[in-house]
Protein backbone atom coordinates (compact mmCIF):
# COMPACT_ATOMS: atom_id res chain seq x y z
CA MET A 1 0.00 0.00 0.00
CA ILE A 2 1.39 3.38 -1.05
CA ILE A 3 -0.51 6.46 0.10
CA ASN A 4 -0.04 9.99 -1.23
CA ALA A 5 0.24 12.21 1.85
CA ASP A 6 -0.91 15.26 -0.12
CA GLU A 7 -4.33 13.63 -0.57
CA LEU A 8 -4.95 13.04 3.15
CA ASP A 9 -7.11 15.14 5.46
CA VAL A 10 -5.98 15.84 9.03
CA ARG A 11 -7.78 12.86 10.54
CA SER A 12 -6.43 10.37 8.01
CA ALA A 13 -2.86 11.67 8.22
CA TYR A 14 -2.97 11.54 12.02
CA LYS A 15 -4.12 7.90 11.95
CA LEU A 16 -1.17 6.94 9.76
CA LEU A 17 1.38 8.94 11.74
CA ILE A 18 0.43 7.55 15.15
CA GLY A 19 0.43 4.01 13.77
CA SER A 20 3.77 4.47 12.03
CA VAL A 21 5.78 6.20 14.78
CA THR A 22 5.71 3.72 17.66
CA PRO A 23 6.34 3.51 20.50
CA ARG A 24 6.20 7.18 21.38
CA ALA A 25 7.36 8.68 24.65
CA ILE A 26 4.65 10.46 26.64
CA GLY A 27 5.36 13.87 28.07
CA TRP A 28 2.82 14.16 30.90
CA VAL A 29 2.82 17.92 30.94
CA SER A 30 1.78 20.01 33.91
CA THR A 31 1.20 23.74 33.50
CA LEU A 32 -0.29 26.59 35.47
CA SER A 33 -2.70 29.19 34.12
CA PRO A 34 -2.00 32.88 34.77
CA SER A 35 -4.78 32.73 37.39
CA GLY A 36 -3.15 29.76 39.13
CA ILE A 37 -5.24 26.82 37.86
CA ALA A 38 -3.18 23.66 37.42
CA ASN A 39 -3.48 21.70 34.19
CA LEU A 40 -2.21 18.23 33.35
CA ALA A 41 -2.20 16.59 29.92
CA PRO A 42 -0.33 13.78 28.13
CA ILE A 43 1.51 14.78 24.96
CA SER A 44 2.80 11.88 22.85
CA PHE A 45 4.48 14.04 20.22
CA PHE A 46 7.32 14.50 22.71
CA THR A 47 11.07 14.15 22.35
CA VAL A 48 14.53 15.56 23.11
CA VAL A 49 15.78 18.59 21.18
CA SER A 50 19.33 19.17 22.43
CA ARG A 51 21.86 18.17 25.09
CA LYS A 52 23.53 21.47 26.00
CA PRO A 53 21.38 23.12 27.08
CA PRO A 54 19.11 20.13 27.68
CA MET A 55 15.87 20.83 25.81
CA VAL A 56 12.68 18.94 25.01
CA SER A 57 9.97 19.36 22.40
CA LEU A 58 6.17 19.07 22.51
CA THR A 59 3.86 19.17 19.50
CA ILE A 60 0.36 20.18 20.57
CA GLN A 61 -2.78 19.86 18.46
CA PRO A 62 -5.98 21.89 19.03
CA ARG A 63 -8.91 20.52 21.00
CA SER A 64 -11.31 18.07 19.36
CA ASP A 65 -13.25 20.93 17.73
CA GLY A 66 -10.18 21.47 15.55
CA THR A 67 -9.75 25.16 16.37
CA THR A 68 -9.64 25.84 20.13
CA LEU A 69 -6.11 25.84 21.53
CA LYS A 70 -5.48 23.39 24.35
CA ASP A 71 -4.93 24.73 27.85
CA THR A 72 -1.42 23.29 27.85
CA LEU A 73 -0.36 25.49 24.95
CA VAL A 74 -2.15 28.58 26.24
CA ASN A 75 -0.61 28.21 29.70
CA VAL A 76 2.91 27.67 28.37
CA ARG A 77 2.55 30.68 26.08
CA GLU A 78 1.27 32.90 28.89
CA THR A 79 3.58 31.79 31.73
CA GLY A 80 6.67 30.49 29.92
CA GLU A 81 6.86 27.37 32.14
CA PHE A 82 5.92 23.69 32.16
CA VAL A 83 6.93 20.35 33.66
CA THR A 84 7.11 16.98 31.91
CA ASN A 85 6.40 14.03 34.20
CA LEU A 86 7.30 10.43 33.38
CA VAL A 87 4.32 8.07 33.16
CA THR A 88 4.59 4.65 34.81
CA LEU A 89 2.08 1.81 34.99
CA SER A 90 0.65 2.80 38.38
CA HIS A 91 -0.28 6.20 36.94
CA ALA A 92 -1.48 4.99 33.52
CA HIS A 93 -5.18 5.52 34.20
CA HIS A 94 -4.59 8.90 35.86
CA MET A 95 -2.67 9.90 32.75
CA HIS A 96 -5.41 8.61 30.46
CA ARG A 97 -8.09 10.53 32.36
CA SER A 98 -6.02 13.72 32.22
CA ALA A 99 -6.37 13.64 28.41
CA ALA A 100 -10.06 14.54 28.76
CA GLU A 101 -11.11 18.06 27.77
CA PHE A 102 -11.81 19.50 31.20
CA ASP A 103 -12.97 23.06 31.58
CA SER A 104 -10.11 25.53 31.86
CA ASN A 105 -11.22 26.46 35.39
CA GLN A 106 -10.88 22.89 36.67
CA ASP A 107 -7.71 21.80 38.48
CA GLU A 108 -6.85 18.56 36.69
CA PHE A 109 -4.67 17.25 39.52
CA ASP A 110 -7.80 17.33 41.67
CA GLU A 111 -10.00 15.92 38.92
CA VAL A 112 -7.86 12.80 38.43
CA GLY A 113 -6.83 12.44 42.09
CA LEU A 114 -3.12 13.24 42.04
CA ALA A 115 -0.94 14.94 44.62
CA LYS A 116 1.19 17.91 43.60
CA GLY A 117 4.90 18.23 44.20
CA THR A 118 6.74 21.55 44.36
CA CYS A 119 9.40 22.65 41.89
CA GLU A 120 12.55 24.64 42.52
CA VAL A 121 12.61 27.09 39.61
CA VAL A 122 9.19 27.11 37.94
CA GLN A 123 5.90 27.82 39.68
CA VAL A 124 4.21 24.87 37.97
CA PRO A 125 3.50 21.82 40.18
CA ARG A 126 4.86 18.42 39.22
CA VAL A 127 3.22 15.03 39.76
CA ARG A 128 4.56 14.31 43.24
CA ASP A 129 4.90 10.54 42.86
CA ALA A 130 6.23 10.48 39.29
CA PRO A 131 9.70 8.90 39.36
CA ILE A 132 11.15 11.57 37.06
CA ALA A 133 10.04 15.12 36.29
CA LEU A 134 11.70 17.85 34.23
CA GLU A 135 11.19 21.51 35.08
CA CYS A 136 11.20 23.50 31.84
CA THR A 137 11.19 27.12 30.77
CA LEU A 138 9.87 28.14 27.37
CA ASP A 139 12.43 28.61 24.61
CA ARG A 140 10.12 29.07 21.61
CA ILE A 141 6.73 28.21 20.11
CA ILE A 142 6.61 27.33 16.42
CA PRO A 143 3.29 27.23 14.50
CA VAL A 144 3.37 24.32 12.04
CA GLY A 145 1.21 23.30 9.09
CA GLU A 146 -2.42 23.94 8.25
CA ALA A 147 -4.11 22.33 11.28
CA GLN A 148 -3.07 24.80 14.01
CA ASP A 149 -0.43 22.48 15.42
CA HIS A 150 2.27 24.15 17.53
CA VAL A 151 5.75 22.93 18.46
CA VAL A 152 6.97 23.99 21.90
CA TRP A 153 10.64 23.88 22.83
CA GLY A 154 11.49 24.01 26.50
CA LYS A 155 14.82 24.29 28.31
CA VAL A 156 15.20 21.80 31.15
CA VAL A 157 16.31 23.72 34.23
CA ARG A 158 15.89 21.01 36.90
CA PHE A 159 15.77 17.21 36.81
CA HIS A 160 13.76 15.57 39.60
CA ILE A 161 14.91 11.93 39.82
CA ARG A 162 13.80 9.53 42.53
CA ASP A 163 16.87 8.70 44.63
CA ASP A 164 16.82 4.93 44.07
CA LEU A 165 16.86 5.43 40.29
CA TYR A 166 20.02 7.57 40.17
CA THR A 167 23.13 5.38 39.97
CA GLU A 168 26.64 6.11 41.19
CA THR A 169 27.80 6.52 37.59
CA GLY A 170 25.30 9.33 36.94
CA ARG A 171 22.82 7.41 34.83
CA ILE A 172 19.19 6.43 35.45
CA ASP A 173 18.31 2.80 36.20
CA THR A 174 15.74 2.48 33.41
CA GLY A 175 15.25 -1.22 34.13
CA ALA A 176 13.55 -0.28 37.40
CA ILE A 177 10.96 1.97 35.74
CA PRO A 178 7.73 0.47 34.28
CA THR A 179 7.50 3.26 31.71
CA VAL A 180 4.29 3.64 29.71
CA GLY A 181 4.52 4.73 26.06
CA ARG A 182 2.05 5.38 23.28
CA LEU A 183 1.28 3.20 20.27
CA ALA A 184 -1.50 4.49 18.00
CA ALA A 185 -4.37 5.24 20.38
CA GLU A 186 -3.26 2.57 22.85
CA TYR A 187 -0.46 2.33 25.39
CA THR A 188 2.49 0.02 25.78
CA LEU A 189 4.58 -1.00 28.77
CA ALA A 190 8.38 -1.06 28.62
CA ASP A 191 9.04 -4.39 30.32
CA ASN A 192 11.95 -5.82 28.33
CA ALA A 193 15.37 -4.71 27.14
CA PHE A 194 18.09 -6.01 24.84
CA VAL A 195 21.25 -5.17 22.96
CA THR A 196 22.20 -6.57 19.59
CA PRO A 197 23.04 -8.98 18.12
CA LEU A 198 20.31 -11.38 19.25
CA THR A 199 20.64 -15.11 18.59
CA GLU A 200 18.82 -16.69 15.67
CA ASP A 201 16.79 -18.73 18.14
CA VAL A 202 15.46 -15.58 19.78
CA LEU A 203 14.76 -13.93 16.42
CA SER A 204 12.96 -16.94 14.97
CA ALA A 205 10.93 -17.48 18.15
CA ARG A 206 9.58 -13.95 17.92
CA SER A 207 9.17 -13.71 14.14
CA GLY A 208 5.58 -12.91 13.23
CA ARG A 209 4.45 -12.89 16.85
CA ARG A 210 1.85 -10.27 17.73
CA MET A 211 2.28 -8.28 20.92
CA HIS A 212 0.26 -9.57 23.85
CA ARG A 213 -2.43 -7.45 25.46
CA ILE A 214 -2.49 -6.96 29.22
CA ASP A 215 -5.94 -5.33 29.33
CA GLU A 216 -8.02 -8.38 28.32
CA ARG A 217 -9.22 -6.67 25.12
CA GLN A 218 -9.48 -8.75 21.96
CA ASP A 219 -6.37 -8.89 19.79
CA GLY A 220 -6.62 -6.30 17.02
CA TRP A 221 -8.99 -3.98 18.90
CA SER A 222 -8.13 -0.27 18.71
CA PRO A 223 -9.68 2.90 20.16
CA VAL A 224 -9.19 4.47 16.71
CA ASP A 225 -12.15 2.40 15.52
CA THR A 226 -14.50 3.74 18.20
CA ALA A 227 -16.78 6.79 18.11
CA ASP A 228 -14.97 8.36 21.08
CA TRP A 229 -11.64 8.75 19.26
CA SER A 230 -10.60 12.06 17.71
CA PRO A 231 -7.37 13.28 16.08
CA SER A 232 -6.87 15.75 18.93
CA GLY A 233 -5.44 13.12 21.28
CA SER A 234 -8.26 13.88 23.71
CA THR A 235 -10.17 11.11 25.48
CA LYS A 236 -13.37 10.66 27.38
CA ALA A 237 -12.91 11.04 31.14
């Protein structure tokens, strides 16, 4: 199947992108409105921009109506601050619920039942029990394309790393973190690791094998095929 990208609408292109770029890291982004209302939202168009200074990137789509800017983008634009929190399995449902389109006057930490942690530089709260959180200050916002997408670059000014995860050599013990990532409209759990080369026995044993589900859904099921899905990344609470 060869598909001409120029012939795709926003919804169709988004379906193909999120199914083609997997797994994706989730930036669970906390922000604060100018009036002090805390917001929390998962952004799966999230990655590293640079090492020195350390910087990360978020790409944020509009709300499900296709035009209204999400609170995350508005808050970052107005305050110049945000925090990215690492999502682990124990917080997966909290994260999923925080993707709902709450009213801008609702504190989403309260709505999903999460405790706030304080930051050192930014005023934005972090998810207190997240194993890793990055305090960020805004570097730039870049409008992109025809669908009102915006790329946000943020400079990391503080790393919050749980003590037991920080090794004597200055690295993070990733094997101790049940990190949750994004597939298309589903999630995946990082519960294995390897370096290459792998033996032929391992390769042949896994050839053609489908991933196993841990949620008891039928193999092949996807939220993309349901009426609740939209290309905004938003979910039903």
